[in-house]
């Protein structure tokens, strides 16, 4: 129960600190505030709100991240290749079916 209260209190403090930060930015630099709010709204719209972005602290951590991203990229390329191949085959089939209708004069057809 105490942990829930502490977490709620911490979240409330973070919201208050963010509000003070935004208010100070609005007063001291309105142009920067407008850009900040635009980026904040874009993050919320894309679902990236609340994500903490940080850089790796050590070389090993950076190498692990690079390896993980390389594996993800490889999986995405493998999946997209098979999906693209299927899409290409479907497109070829559709175009070949359309070629059969090339000799039909639509003006001669009745209602």
C-alpha atoms as a PDB file:
ATOM      1  CA  UNK A   1       0.000   0.000   0.000  1.00  0.00           C
ATOM      2  CA  UNK A   2       2.858   2.339   0.856  1.00  0.00           C
ATOM      3  CA  UNK A   3       4.469   1.680  -2.549  1.00  0.00           C
ATOM      4  CA  UNK A   4       1.262   2.708  -4.341  1.00  0.00           C
ATOM      5  CA  UNK A   5       1.141   5.954  -2.393  1.00  0.00           C
ATOM      6  CA  UNK A   6       4.820   6.656  -3.075  1.00  0.00           C
ATOM      7  CA  UNK A   7       4.466   5.933  -6.795  1.00  0.00           C
ATOM      8  CA  UNK A   8       1.426   8.213  -7.052  1.00  0.00           C
ATOM      9  CA  UNK A   9       3.255  10.957  -5.167  1.00  0.00           C
ATOM     10  CA  UNK A  10       6.275  10.615  -7.458  1.00  0.00           C
ATOM     11  CA  UNK A  11       4.079  10.801 -10.583  1.00  0.00           C
ATOM     12  CA  UNK A  12       2.344  13.893  -9.209  1.00  0.00           C
ATOM     13  CA  UNK A  13       5.714  15.534  -8.536  1.00  0.00           C
ATOM     14  CA  UNK A  14       6.868  14.737 -12.067  1.00  0.00           C
ATOM     15  CA  UNK A  15       3.684  16.283 -13.535  1.00  0.00           C
ATOM     16  CA  UNK A  16       4.156  19.418 -11.424  1.00  0.00           C
ATOM     17  CA  UNK A  17       7.798  19.688 -12.485  1.00  0.00           C
ATOM     18  CA  UNK A  18       6.839  19.308 -16.147  1.00  0.00           C
ATOM     19  CA  UNK A  19       4.150  21.969 -15.763  1.00  0.00           C
ATOM     20  CA  UNK A  20       6.654  24.396 -14.203  1.00  0.00           C
ATOM     21  CA  UNK A  21       9.137  23.647 -16.988  1.00  0.00           C
ATOM     22  CA  UNK A  22       6.519  24.326 -19.679  1.00  0.00           C
ATOM     23  CA  UNK A  23       5.353  27.508 -17.969  1.00  0.00           C
ATOM     24  CA  UNK A  24       8.921  28.828 -17.712  1.00  0.00           C
ATOM     25  CA  UNK A  25       9.529  27.989 -21.354  1.00  0.00           C
ATOM     26  CA  UNK A  26       6.312  29.751 -22.392  1.00  0.00           C
ATOM     27  CA  UNK A  27       7.280  32.899 -20.500  1.00  0.00           C
ATOM     28  CA  UNK A  28      10.957  32.988 -21.483  1.00  0.00           C
ATOM     29  CA  UNK A  29      10.912  31.619 -25.036  1.00  0.00           C
ATOM     30  CA  UNK A  30       7.469  31.379 -26.713  1.00  0.00           C
ATOM     31  CA  UNK A  31       8.877  30.154 -30.039  1.00  0.00           C
ATOM     32  CA  UNK A  32      10.660  27.266 -28.349  1.00  0.00           C
ATOM     33  CA  UNK A  33       7.496  26.496 -26.365  1.00  0.00           C
ATOM     34  CA  UNK A  34       5.433  26.247 -29.553  1.00  0.00           C
ATOM     35  CA  UNK A  35       7.965  23.839 -31.088  1.00  0.00           C
ATOM     36  CA  UNK A  36       8.088  21.837 -27.853  1.00  0.00           C
ATOM     37  CA  UNK A  37       4.294  21.507 -27.753  1.00  0.00           C
ATOM     38  CA  UNK A  38       4.193  20.542 -31.442  1.00  0.00           C
ATOM     39  CA  UNK A  39       6.721  17.761 -30.811  1.00  0.00           C
ATOM     40  CA  UNK A  40       4.866  16.684 -27.669  1.00  0.00           C
ATOM     41  CA  UNK A  41       1.581  16.408 -29.592  1.00  0.00           C
ATOM     42  CA  UNK A  42       3.281  14.428 -32.371  1.00  0.00           C
ATOM     43  CA  UNK A  43       4.702  12.038 -29.770  1.00  0.00           C
ATOM     44  CA  UNK A  44       1.278  11.552 -28.215  1.00  0.00           C
ATOM     45  CA  UNK A  45      -0.317  10.996 -31.625  1.00  0.00           C
ATOM     46  CA  UNK A  46       2.308   8.417 -32.609  1.00  0.00           C
ATOM     47  CA  UNK A  47       2.121   6.604 -29.274  1.00  0.00           C
ATOM     48  CA  UNK A  48       5.616   7.592 -28.161  1.00  0.00           C
ATOM     49  CA  UNK A  49       4.474   9.650 -25.177  1.00  0.00           C
ATOM     50  CA  UNK A  50       6.102   8.614 -21.927  1.00  0.00           C
ATOM     51  CA  UNK A  51       9.025   6.834 -23.567  1.00  0.00           C
ATOM     52  CA  UNK A  52      12.359   7.682 -22.028  1.00  0.00           C
ATOM     53  CA  UNK A  53      15.011   8.042 -24.704  1.00  0.00           C
ATOM     54  CA  UNK A  54      18.588   7.511 -23.594  1.00  0.00           C
ATOM     55  CA  UNK A  55      21.972   6.730 -25.080  1.00  0.00           C
ATOM     56  CA  UNK A  56      24.073   3.691 -24.193  1.00  0.00           C
ATOM     57  CA  UNK A  57      26.534   4.377 -21.411  1.00  0.00           C
ATOM     58  CA  UNK A  58      29.246   1.870 -22.348  1.00  0.00           C
ATOM     59  CA  UNK A  59      30.748   0.526 -25.541  1.00  0.00           C
ATOM     60  CA  UNK A  60      29.491  -2.989 -24.742  1.00  0.00           C
ATOM     61  CA  UNK A  61      25.943  -1.707 -24.283  1.00  0.00           C
ATOM     62  CA  UNK A  62      26.158   0.096 -27.622  1.00  0.00           C
ATOM     63  CA  UNK A  63      27.436  -3.045 -29.366  1.00  0.00           C
ATOM     64  CA  UNK A  64      24.614  -5.127 -27.863  1.00  0.00           C
ATOM     65  CA  UNK A  65      22.068  -2.590 -29.097  1.00  0.00           C
ATOM     66  CA  UNK A  66      23.594  -2.533 -32.583  1.00  0.00           C
ATOM     67  CA  UNK A  67      23.492  -6.337 -32.724  1.00  0.00           C
ATOM     68  CA  UNK A  68      19.862  -6.407 -31.562  1.00  0.00           C
ATOM     69  CA  UNK A  69      18.881  -3.821 -34.190  1.00  0.00           C
ATOM     70  CA  UNK A  70      20.742  -5.775 -36.878  1.00  0.00           C
ATOM     71  CA  UNK A  71      18.810  -8.939 -35.966  1.00  0.00           C
ATOM     72  CA  UNK A  72      15.496  -7.064 -36.035  1.00  0.00           C
ATOM     73  CA  UNK A  73      16.373  -5.515 -39.405  1.00  0.00           C
ATOM     74  CA  UNK A  74      17.256  -8.941 -40.795  1.00  0.00           C
ATOM     75  CA  UNK A  75      13.925 -10.399 -39.627  1.00  0.00           C
ATOM     76  CA  UNK A  76      11.985  -7.488 -41.107  1.00  0.00           C
ATOM     77  CA  UNK A  77      13.764  -7.838 -44.446  1.00  0.00           C
ATOM     78  CA  UNK A  78      13.070 -11.576 -44.539  1.00  0.00           C
ATOM     79  CA  UNK A  79       9.398 -11.023 -43.792  1.00  0.00           C
ATOM     80  CA  UNK A  80       9.019  -8.162 -46.236  1.00  0.00           C
ATOM     81  CA  UNK A  81      10.790 -10.152 -48.955  1.00  0.00           C
ATOM     82  CA  UNK A  82       8.307 -13.001 -48.734  1.00  0.00           C
ATOM     83  CA  UNK A  83       5.381 -10.559 -48.492  1.00  0.00           C
ATOM     84  CA  UNK A  84       6.701  -8.594 -51.464  1.00  0.00           C
ATOM     85  CA  UNK A  85       7.092 -11.781 -53.481  1.00  0.00           C
ATOM     86  CA  UNK A  86       3.475 -12.735 -52.767  1.00  0.00           C
ATOM     87  CA  UNK A  87       2.323  -9.217 -53.670  1.00  0.00           C
ATOM     88  CA  UNK A  88       4.301  -9.374 -56.933  1.00  0.00           C
ATOM     89  CA  UNK A  89       2.740 -12.724 -57.837  1.00  0.00           C
ATOM     90  CA  UNK A  90      -0.751 -11.365 -57.117  1.00  0.00           C
ATOM     91  CA  UNK A  91      -0.063  -8.292 -59.257  1.00  0.00           C
ATOM     92  CA  UNK A  92       1.178 -10.436 -62.140  1.00  0.00           C
ATOM     93  CA  UNK A  93      -1.939 -12.609 -61.913  1.00  0.00           C
ATOM     94  CA  UNK A  94      -4.215  -9.571 -61.951  1.00  0.00           C
ATOM     95  CA  UNK A  95      -2.454  -8.031 -64.944  1.00  0.00           C
ATOM     96  CA  UNK A  96      -2.555 -11.300 -66.882  1.00  0.00           C
ATOM     97  CA  UNK A  97      -6.311 -11.561 -66.242  1.00  0.00           C
ATOM     98  CA  UNK A  98      -6.794  -8.012 -67.497  1.00  0.00           C
ATOM     99  CA  UNK A  99      -5.004  -8.899 -70.767  1.00  0.00           C
ATOM    100  CA  UNK A 100      -7.819 -11.325 -71.580  1.00  0.00           C
ATOM    101  CA  UNK A 101     -10.278  -8.403 -71.680  1.00  0.00           C
ATOM    102  CA  UNK A 102      -8.194  -6.237 -74.047  1.00  0.00           C
ATOM    103  CA  UNK A 103     -10.044  -7.310 -77.207  1.00  0.00           C
ATOM    104  CA  UNK A 104     -13.519  -6.584 -75.827  1.00  0.00           C
ATOM    105  CA  UNK A 105     -15.118  -3.367 -77.094  1.00  0.00           C
ATOM    106  CA  UNK A 106     -17.099  -1.953 -74.203  1.00  0.00           C
ATOM    107  CA  UNK A 107     -19.112   0.349 -76.490  1.00  0.00           C
ATOM    108  CA  UNK A 108     -20.682  -2.675 -78.212  1.00  0.00           C
ATOM    109  CA  UNK A 109     -21.918  -4.113 -74.940  1.00  0.00           C
ATOM    110  CA  UNK A 110     -25.513  -3.313 -73.955  1.00  0.00           C
ATOM    111  CA  UNK A 111     -26.838  -2.168 -70.622  1.00  0.00           C
END
